N, C-alpha and C. Protein backbone atom coordinates (compact mmCIF):
# COMPACT_ATOMS: atom_id res chain seq x y z
N UNK A 1 -13.58 9.98 2.33
CA UNK A 1 -12.67 10.36 2.33
C UNK A 1 -12.23 9.90 0.76
N UNK A 2 -11.38 11.34 0.48
CA UNK A 2 -11.31 11.08 -1.08
C UNK A 2 -9.84 10.37 -1.33
N UNK A 3 -9.70 10.21 -2.60
CA UNK A 3 -8.23 9.08 -2.71
C UNK A 3 -7.12 10.11 -2.56
N UNK A 4 -7.03 11.29 -2.71
CA UNK A 4 -5.75 12.04 -2.58
C UNK A 4 -5.69 12.08 -0.91
N UNK A 5 -6.65 12.21 0.22
CA UNK A 5 -6.44 12.33 1.43
C UNK A 5 -5.86 11.04 1.89
N UNK A 6 -6.21 9.83 1.38
CA UNK A 6 -6.23 8.56 1.51
C UNK A 6 -4.35 8.37 1.27
N UNK A 7 -4.18 8.90 0.24
CA UNK A 7 -2.43 8.90 -0.35
C UNK A 7 -1.61 9.58 0.61
N UNK A 8 -2.07 10.79 1.13
CA UNK A 8 -1.35 11.45 1.94
C UNK A 8 -1.44 10.54 3.26
N UNK A 9 -2.39 10.12 3.91
CA UNK A 9 -2.26 9.18 5.07
C UNK A 9 -1.30 7.98 4.67
N UNK A 10 -1.37 7.56 3.87
CA UNK A 10 -0.67 6.01 3.67
C UNK A 10 0.35 6.61 3.35
N UNK A 11 1.20 7.68 2.87
CA UNK A 11 2.36 8.29 3.13
C UNK A 11 3.23 8.73 4.02
N UNK A 12 2.45 8.75 4.99
CA UNK A 12 2.96 9.37 6.05
C UNK A 12 3.05 7.72 7.12
N UNK A 13 2.69 6.79 6.80
CA UNK A 13 2.92 5.44 7.51
C UNK A 13 4.22 4.87 6.75
N UNK A 14 5.05 5.38 6.05
CA UNK A 14 6.28 4.89 5.40
C UNK A 14 7.08 4.81 6.61
N UNK A 15 7.77 3.20 6.59
CA UNK A 15 9.05 3.07 7.42
C UNK A 15 8.26 2.55 8.86
N UNK A 16 7.41 2.64 9.18
CA UNK A 16 6.32 2.41 10.20
C UNK A 16 6.11 0.99 10.02
N UNK A 17 6.05 0.04 11.10
CA UNK A 17 5.78 -1.40 10.90
C UNK A 17 4.11 -1.30 11.00
N UNK A 18 3.20 -2.08 10.04
CA UNK A 18 1.90 -2.33 10.00
C UNK A 18 1.48 -3.48 10.25
N UNK A 19 0.17 -3.31 10.81
CA UNK A 19 -0.90 -4.20 10.75
C UNK A 19 -1.96 -4.28 9.76
N UNK A 20 -2.13 -4.92 8.45
CA UNK A 20 -2.78 -4.99 7.71
C UNK A 20 -4.02 -5.93 7.90
N UNK A 21 -5.50 -5.52 7.58
CA UNK A 21 -5.92 -6.73 7.50
C UNK A 21 -7.24 -6.49 6.25
N UNK A 22 -7.39 -7.62 5.38
CA UNK A 22 -7.71 -7.59 4.21
C UNK A 22 -9.11 -8.42 4.23
N UNK A 23 -10.21 -7.97 4.14
CA UNK A 23 -11.50 -8.59 4.29
C UNK A 23 -11.69 -9.18 3.14
N UNK A 24 -11.76 -10.19 2.95
CA UNK A 24 -12.27 -11.17 2.17
C UNK A 24 -13.68 -11.50 1.82
N UNK A 25 -14.35 -12.40 0.97
CA UNK A 25 -15.37 -12.93 1.13
C UNK A 25 -15.93 -13.84 2.21
N UNK A 26 -17.35 -13.61 2.24
CA UNK A 26 -18.15 -14.76 3.72
C UNK A 26 -16.99 -14.36 4.52
N UNK A 27 -17.01 -12.97 5.17
CA UNK A 27 -17.05 -12.76 6.72
C UNK A 27 -15.22 -13.33 7.14
N UNK A 28 -14.35 -13.75 5.91
CA UNK A 28 -13.08 -14.15 6.17
C UNK A 28 -11.81 -12.99 5.75
N UNK A 29 -10.82 -13.26 6.79
CA UNK A 29 -10.14 -12.22 6.91
C UNK A 29 -8.79 -12.62 6.88
N UNK A 30 -7.56 -11.94 6.22
CA UNK A 30 -6.49 -12.37 6.10
C UNK A 30 -5.67 -10.92 6.72
N UNK A 31 -4.67 -11.62 7.50
CA UNK A 31 -4.31 -10.63 8.20
C UNK A 31 -2.28 -10.66 8.12
N UNK A 32 -1.87 -9.58 7.50
CA UNK A 32 -0.49 -9.55 7.33
C UNK A 32 0.28 -8.38 8.31
N UNK A 33 1.59 -8.21 8.54
CA UNK A 33 2.45 -7.71 9.30
C UNK A 33 3.42 -7.21 8.23
N UNK A 34 3.67 -5.75 8.19
CA UNK A 34 5.19 -5.65 7.22
C UNK A 34 5.01 -4.26 7.41
N UNK A 35 5.96 -3.58 6.16
CA UNK A 35 6.24 -1.92 6.07
C UNK A 35 5.92 -1.71 4.46
N UNK A 36 5.74 -0.55 4.44
CA UNK A 36 5.17 -0.14 3.07
C UNK A 36 6.75 0.00 2.16
N UNK A 37 6.88 -0.57 1.11
CA UNK A 37 8.04 -0.60 0.48
C UNK A 37 7.86 0.45 -0.65
N UNK A 38 6.93 1.17 -1.49
CA UNK A 38 7.02 1.64 -2.71
C UNK A 38 5.21 2.47 -2.51
N UNK A 39 5.47 3.12 -3.35
CA UNK A 39 3.79 4.28 -3.65
C UNK A 39 4.26 4.18 -5.32
N UNK A 40 2.76 4.64 -5.75
CA UNK A 40 2.66 4.03 -7.26
C UNK A 40 1.19 5.29 -7.17
N UNK A 41 0.75 5.79 -8.58
CA UNK A 41 -0.43 6.32 -8.71
C UNK A 41 -1.23 6.07 -8.30
N UNK A 42 -1.68 4.41 -8.33
CA UNK A 42 -2.51 3.79 -8.19
C UNK A 42 -2.53 2.90 -7.17
N UNK A 43 -1.49 2.47 -6.80
CA UNK A 43 -1.27 1.27 -5.73
C UNK A 43 -0.23 1.62 -5.20
N UNK A 44 0.29 0.87 -3.63
CA UNK A 44 1.34 0.78 -2.75
C UNK A 44 1.48 -0.48 -2.68
N UNK A 45 2.75 -0.62 -2.31
CA UNK A 45 3.25 -2.06 -2.14
C UNK A 45 3.91 -2.26 -0.81
N UNK A 46 3.46 -3.45 -0.32
CA UNK A 46 4.14 -3.80 1.14
C UNK A 46 4.82 -4.77 1.31
N UNK A 47 5.92 -4.84 2.10
CA UNK A 47 6.58 -5.93 2.50
C UNK A 47 6.15 -6.52 3.43
N UNK A 48 5.56 -7.96 3.35
CA UNK A 48 5.06 -8.51 4.57
C UNK A 48 5.28 -9.55 4.73
N UNK A 49 5.13 -10.49 6.20
CA UNK A 49 5.79 -11.73 6.26
C UNK A 49 5.35 -12.83 5.79
N UNK A 50 4.30 -12.50 4.43
CA UNK A 50 4.17 -13.82 3.55
C UNK A 50 4.34 -13.17 2.24
N UNK A 51 5.10 -12.24 1.96
CA UNK A 51 5.76 -11.76 0.71
C UNK A 51 5.24 -10.07 0.32
N UNK A 52 5.88 -9.94 -0.92
CA UNK A 52 5.34 -8.50 -1.19
C UNK A 52 3.74 -9.08 -1.85
N UNK A 53 3.15 -7.83 -1.13
CA UNK A 53 1.57 -7.46 -1.59
C UNK A 53 1.25 -5.95 -1.81
N UNK A 54 0.32 -5.94 -2.82
CA UNK A 54 0.06 -4.89 -3.40
C UNK A 54 -1.37 -4.19 -3.00
N UNK A 55 -1.42 -3.26 -2.69
CA UNK A 55 -2.89 -2.78 -2.57
C UNK A 55 -3.48 -1.39 -3.28
N UNK A 56 -4.44 -0.81 -3.42
CA UNK A 56 -4.94 0.13 -4.13
C UNK A 56 -5.36 1.18 -3.06
N UNK A 57 -5.64 2.46 -3.39
CA UNK A 57 -5.89 3.47 -2.47
C UNK A 57 -7.64 3.05 -2.56
N UNK A 58 -8.15 2.82 -3.54
CA UNK A 58 -9.41 2.75 -2.98
C UNK A 58 -10.13 1.36 -2.26
N UNK A 59 -8.96 0.54 -1.97
CA UNK A 59 -9.13 -0.49 -0.96
C UNK A 59 -9.47 -0.09 0.20
N UNK A 60 -8.55 0.98 0.61
CA UNK A 60 -8.92 1.82 1.80
C UNK A 60 -10.23 2.41 2.14
N UNK A 61 -10.73 3.11 0.95
CA UNK A 61 -11.81 3.90 0.67
C UNK A 61 -12.54 2.79 1.26
N UNK A 62 -12.95 1.87 0.24
CA UNK A 62 -14.06 0.95 0.43
C UNK A 62 -13.87 -0.01 1.79
N UNK A 63 -12.82 0.46 2.07
CA UNK A 63 -12.78 -0.38 3.61
C UNK A 63 -12.38 -2.10 3.68
N UNK A 64 -12.28 -2.32 2.51
CA UNK A 64 -11.52 -3.87 2.19
C UNK A 64 -10.17 -4.04 2.73
N UNK A 65 -9.53 -3.04 3.04
CA UNK A 65 -8.27 -3.38 3.39
C UNK A 65 -8.34 -2.18 5.05
N UNK A 66 -7.69 -2.57 5.90
CA UNK A 66 -7.60 -1.55 7.15
C UNK A 66 -6.03 -1.77 7.62
N UNK A 67 -5.47 -0.58 7.68
CA UNK A 67 -4.06 -0.20 7.90
C UNK A 67 -4.30 -0.10 9.37
N UNK A 68 -3.21 -0.45 10.31
CA UNK A 68 -3.00 0.18 11.42
C UNK A 68 -1.86 -0.11 12.05
N UNK A 69 -0.94 1.07 12.87
CA UNK A 69 0.68 0.83 13.14
C UNK A 69 0.50 0.10 14.39
N UNK A 70 1.54 -0.80 14.44
CA UNK A 70 1.52 -1.66 15.52
C UNK A 70 2.53 -0.80 16.79
């Protein structure tokens, strides 16, 4: 999946309640719930239950961040 397609898919999730799984090192995971707050050329920001977080579109391409609707 290319970055432009990922941007389109992420933009469709605006105003949706999301569950975000961040894959860390050594089989550790971090989970967040929240909504996408803003979009930028290389990143998007999410207002989560643990504060404002930013992710890159390439994080999704490399599957180090997985987003799903609740």
